[in-house]
Amino acid sequence: MKKLLLLTAFAITLGLGAGHAAQVFVRFGPPPPPREVVVVRPGPRHVWVPGYYRWAGARYVWAGGYWAVPPRPHAVWMPGYWRHRRGGYVWVGGYWR
């Protein structure tokens, strides 16, 4: 029974990883970003994570920025961006460095 449970958990983990690894490829680039209003910082540890355009199946949709607490001291947010590739654009997600 334990073996079956472990195999099931492993299969689910593999499935989640594969879905996360898929790249978003769009034939045309996003529009220029809108002016974003940055509200007052909620606390001294918060860092502004800027907004970005995400692909919603048929068009770009703006995802607004937000304040976040870094996962560790001195972490820096590296924003995501749309990288031009032959024939279109690929989304490169942001991450904490």
Protein backbone atom coordinates (compact mmCIF):
# COMPACT_ATOMS: atom_id res chain seq x y z
CA MET A 1 0.00 0.00 0.00
CA LYS A 2 2.84 2.40 0.87
CA LYS A 3 4.54 1.63 -2.43
CA LEU A 4 1.37 2.47 -4.38
CA LEU A 5 0.94 5.72 -2.47
CA LEU A 6 4.55 6.71 -3.12
CA LEU A 7 4.26 5.88 -6.83
CA THR A 8 1.06 7.93 -7.09
CA ALA A 9 2.67 10.91 -5.34
CA PHE A 10 5.71 10.64 -7.63
CA ALA A 11 3.52 10.51 -10.76
CA ILE A 12 1.56 13.59 -9.65
CA THR A 13 4.81 15.46 -8.96
CA LEU A 14 6.12 14.63 -12.44
CA GLY A 15 2.86 15.78 -14.00
CA LEU A 16 2.95 19.10 -12.17
CA GLY A 17 6.55 19.72 -13.19
CA ALA A 18 5.84 19.03 -16.85
CA GLY A 19 2.90 21.44 -16.93
CA HIS A 20 4.99 24.15 -15.30
CA ALA A 21 7.84 23.73 -17.80
CA ALA A 22 5.69 24.53 -20.87
CA GLN A 23 6.70 27.74 -22.65
CA VAL A 24 4.25 30.37 -23.85
CA PHE A 25 4.99 31.25 -27.50
CA VAL A 26 3.15 34.14 -29.18
CA ARG A 27 3.58 35.26 -32.78
CA PHE A 28 3.48 39.00 -31.94
CA GLY A 29 4.90 41.04 -29.08
CA PRO A 30 3.01 42.71 -26.24
CA PRO A 31 1.89 46.34 -26.39
CA PRO A 32 3.82 48.98 -24.45
CA PRO A 33 3.20 48.66 -20.69
CA PRO A 34 0.72 51.08 -19.15
CA ARG A 35 1.77 53.57 -16.51
CA GLU A 36 1.53 51.75 -13.24
CA VAL A 37 0.56 53.49 -10.02
CA VAL A 38 2.75 52.27 -7.17
CA VAL A 39 0.84 52.56 -3.90
CA VAL A 40 2.46 53.22 -0.52
CA ARG A 41 4.77 50.45 0.68
CA PRO A 42 2.98 48.37 3.35
CA GLY A 43 6.17 47.68 5.32
CA PRO A 44 9.94 48.26 5.29
CA ARG A 45 10.74 44.72 4.03
CA HIS A 46 8.35 44.86 1.05
CA VAL A 47 9.68 45.02 -2.52
CA TRP A 48 7.70 46.19 -5.55
CA VAL A 49 7.12 43.43 -8.12
CA PRO A 50 6.21 45.23 -11.37
CA GLY A 51 3.28 44.26 -13.55
CA TYR A 52 3.61 42.43 -16.86
CA TYR A 53 1.56 41.31 -19.85
CA ARG A 54 0.48 37.68 -19.73
CA TRP A 55 -0.94 35.73 -22.65
CA ALA A 56 -4.60 34.77 -22.17
CA GLY A 57 -5.07 32.42 -25.13
CA ALA A 58 -6.01 35.05 -27.73
CA ARG A 59 -4.64 38.35 -26.39
CA TYR A 60 -2.33 39.98 -23.90
CA VAL A 61 -3.80 40.87 -20.51
CA TRP A 62 -2.09 43.19 -18.01
CA ALA A 63 -1.29 41.66 -14.61
CA GLY A 64 -0.77 44.56 -12.21
CA GLY A 65 2.25 44.89 -9.94
CA TYR A 66 2.16 44.27 -6.20
CA TRP A 67 4.23 44.52 -3.02
CA ALA A 68 5.89 41.29 -1.83
CA VAL A 69 8.14 40.25 1.03
CA PRO A 70 11.35 38.63 -0.32
CA PRO A 71 11.82 34.96 0.59
CA ARG A 72 15.19 35.70 2.25
CA PRO A 73 17.25 38.76 3.28
CA HIS A 74 18.88 40.71 0.42
CA ALA A 75 16.89 38.84 -2.27
CA VAL A 76 16.29 40.86 -5.45
CA TRP A 77 13.30 40.42 -7.78
CA MET A 78 14.31 39.82 -11.41
CA PRO A 79 11.23 40.75 -13.48
CA GLY A 80 9.90 38.50 -16.23
CA TYR A 81 9.98 39.63 -19.85
CA TRP A 82 8.96 38.65 -23.38
CA ARG A 83 12.05 37.49 -25.31
CA HIS A 84 12.00 37.79 -29.09
CA ARG A 85 12.68 34.49 -30.82
CA ARG A 86 12.50 33.64 -34.49
CA GLY A 87 8.84 33.78 -35.46
CA GLY A 88 7.50 35.24 -32.21
CA TYR A 89 7.95 35.87 -28.51
CA VAL A 90 8.53 33.58 -25.52
CA TRP A 91 7.70 34.47 -21.90
CA VAL A 92 10.63 34.27 -19.46
CA GLY A 93 9.21 34.30 -15.93
CA GLY A 94 10.48 36.49 -13.11
CA TYR A 95 12.28 35.05 -10.08
CA TRP A 96 14.01 35.94 -6.82
CA ARG A 97 17.81 36.11 -7.03
